[in-house]
N, C-alpha and C. Protein backbone atom coordinates (compact mmCIF):
# COMPACT_ATOMS: atom_id res chain seq x y z
N MET A 1 71.42 73.72 19.65
CA MET A 1 71.20 74.72 20.67
C MET A 1 69.71 74.76 21.01
N THR A 2 69.40 74.71 22.29
CA THR A 2 68.00 74.72 22.70
C THR A 2 67.44 76.14 22.62
N GLU A 3 66.12 76.21 22.70
CA GLU A 3 65.44 77.51 22.65
C GLU A 3 65.90 78.41 23.80
N LYS A 4 66.04 77.81 24.98
CA LYS A 4 66.46 78.58 26.16
C LYS A 4 67.87 79.14 25.97
N GLU A 5 68.76 78.36 25.39
CA GLU A 5 70.12 78.82 25.14
C GLU A 5 70.13 79.96 24.12
N LYS A 6 69.28 79.86 23.09
CA LYS A 6 69.18 80.93 22.10
C LYS A 6 68.74 82.23 22.75
N VAL A 7 67.72 82.13 23.62
CA VAL A 7 67.19 83.32 24.28
C VAL A 7 68.23 83.94 25.20
N LYS A 8 68.98 83.10 25.92
CA LYS A 8 70.04 83.62 26.80
C LYS A 8 71.11 84.34 25.98
N GLU A 9 71.46 83.79 24.83
CA GLU A 9 72.46 84.41 23.96
C GLU A 9 71.97 85.76 23.44
N ILE A 10 70.71 85.81 23.04
CA ILE A 10 70.13 87.06 22.55
C ILE A 10 70.07 88.09 23.68
N ALA A 11 69.68 87.67 24.88
CA ALA A 11 69.61 88.58 26.03
C ALA A 11 70.99 89.14 26.37
N LYS A 12 71.99 88.30 26.29
CA LYS A 12 73.36 88.74 26.57
C LYS A 12 73.81 89.75 25.52
N LYS A 13 73.44 89.50 24.27
CA LYS A 13 73.84 90.36 23.16
C LYS A 13 73.27 91.78 23.31
N TYR A 14 72.04 91.88 23.84
CA TYR A 14 71.37 93.17 23.97
C TYR A 14 71.30 93.66 25.41
N GLY A 15 72.08 93.06 26.30
CA GLY A 15 72.17 93.54 27.66
C GLY A 15 70.90 93.36 28.47
N SER A 16 70.08 92.37 28.15
CA SER A 16 68.83 92.10 28.86
C SER A 16 67.89 93.31 28.87
N SER A 17 67.99 94.16 27.88
CA SER A 17 67.16 95.36 27.78
C SER A 17 66.07 95.16 26.73
N LEU A 18 64.83 95.24 27.16
CA LEU A 18 63.71 95.06 26.23
C LEU A 18 63.68 96.18 25.20
N GLY A 19 63.98 97.40 25.62
CA GLY A 19 64.01 98.53 24.69
C GLY A 19 65.07 98.36 23.62
N LYS A 20 66.25 97.94 24.04
CA LYS A 20 67.34 97.72 23.10
C LYS A 20 67.02 96.55 22.17
N LEU A 21 66.41 95.52 22.74
CA LEU A 21 66.03 94.36 21.93
C LEU A 21 65.05 94.78 20.84
N SER A 22 64.02 95.51 21.22
CA SER A 22 62.99 95.87 20.24
C SER A 22 63.48 96.85 19.18
N SER A 23 64.47 97.68 19.53
CA SER A 23 64.93 98.66 18.55
C SER A 23 66.12 98.19 17.72
N GLU A 24 66.94 97.27 18.26
CA GLU A 24 68.16 96.89 17.54
C GLU A 24 68.19 95.45 17.05
N ALA A 25 67.34 94.60 17.59
CA ALA A 25 67.38 93.18 17.22
C ALA A 25 66.68 92.94 15.89
N THR A 26 67.03 91.81 15.28
CA THR A 26 66.34 91.43 14.05
C THR A 26 64.94 90.92 14.41
N ALA A 27 64.08 90.87 13.42
CA ALA A 27 62.72 90.38 13.65
C ALA A 27 62.74 88.93 14.15
N LYS A 28 63.66 88.15 13.64
CA LYS A 28 63.76 86.75 14.06
C LYS A 28 64.15 86.64 15.53
N GLU A 29 65.08 87.49 15.98
CA GLU A 29 65.50 87.47 17.38
C GLU A 29 64.35 87.87 18.30
N VAL A 30 63.63 88.92 17.93
CA VAL A 30 62.49 89.37 18.73
C VAL A 30 61.44 88.28 18.81
N LYS A 31 61.15 87.66 17.69
CA LYS A 31 60.15 86.59 17.65
C LYS A 31 60.59 85.41 18.53
N THR A 32 61.85 85.05 18.47
CA THR A 32 62.38 83.95 19.27
C THR A 32 62.19 84.22 20.76
N VAL A 33 62.55 85.43 21.20
CA VAL A 33 62.44 85.78 22.61
C VAL A 33 60.99 85.80 23.06
N PHE A 34 60.13 86.48 22.32
CA PHE A 34 58.72 86.58 22.73
C PHE A 34 58.02 85.22 22.69
N LYS A 35 58.36 84.38 21.71
CA LYS A 35 57.76 83.05 21.64
C LYS A 35 58.19 82.22 22.84
N PHE A 36 59.46 82.32 23.24
CA PHE A 36 59.95 81.58 24.40
C PHE A 36 59.17 81.99 25.65
N PHE A 37 59.02 83.30 25.86
CA PHE A 37 58.31 83.76 27.05
C PHE A 37 56.82 83.39 27.01
N ALA A 38 56.20 83.45 25.85
CA ALA A 38 54.80 83.08 25.73
C ALA A 38 54.61 81.59 25.99
N ASP A 39 55.48 80.77 25.44
CA ASP A 39 55.40 79.32 25.67
C ASP A 39 55.60 78.98 27.14
N ASP A 40 56.54 79.67 27.79
CA ASP A 40 56.81 79.42 29.20
C ASP A 40 55.61 79.85 30.05
N ALA A 41 55.02 80.99 29.74
CA ALA A 41 53.84 81.45 30.48
C ALA A 41 52.68 80.48 30.29
N ASN A 42 52.49 79.99 29.08
CA ASN A 42 51.42 79.02 28.82
C ASN A 42 51.65 77.72 29.59
N ARG A 43 52.90 77.27 29.65
CA ARG A 43 53.23 76.06 30.39
C ARG A 43 52.90 76.23 31.87
N LYS A 44 53.27 77.38 32.42
CA LYS A 44 53.00 77.64 33.84
C LYS A 44 51.50 77.72 34.12
N GLN A 45 50.74 78.30 33.20
CA GLN A 45 49.29 78.38 33.37
C GLN A 45 48.66 77.00 33.32
N ARG A 46 49.14 76.14 32.41
CA ARG A 46 48.61 74.77 32.34
C ARG A 46 48.90 74.01 33.62
N GLU A 47 50.09 74.23 34.19
CA GLU A 47 50.44 73.58 35.44
C GLU A 47 49.50 74.04 36.57
N LEU A 48 49.18 75.33 36.59
CA LEU A 48 48.31 75.87 37.64
C LEU A 48 46.92 75.26 37.62
N VAL A 49 46.40 74.99 36.43
CA VAL A 49 45.06 74.44 36.34
C VAL A 49 45.05 72.91 36.28
N GLY A 50 46.23 72.33 36.37
CA GLY A 50 46.33 70.87 36.47
C GLY A 50 46.37 70.12 35.16
N LEU A 51 46.67 70.79 34.06
CA LEU A 51 46.78 70.12 32.77
C LEU A 51 48.21 69.65 32.57
N LYS A 52 48.36 68.52 31.94
CA LYS A 52 49.69 67.98 31.66
C LYS A 52 50.28 68.69 30.45
N ASN A 53 51.60 68.81 30.44
CA ASN A 53 52.30 69.37 29.29
C ASN A 53 52.43 68.28 28.23
N LYS A 54 51.88 68.52 27.05
CA LYS A 54 51.93 67.53 25.99
C LYS A 54 53.12 67.72 25.12
């Protein structure tokens, strides 16, 4: 299962609610979701400044 699929499964489980995620999810689930969004934001920033994704 890819990281994106894991995040979609977690979002579906908690109804895409950040409040519900932070109060009811396990620490591992929260970390998985936030890491996915941080990595995606970093990738988009690298693209904006013209750096290749390594």
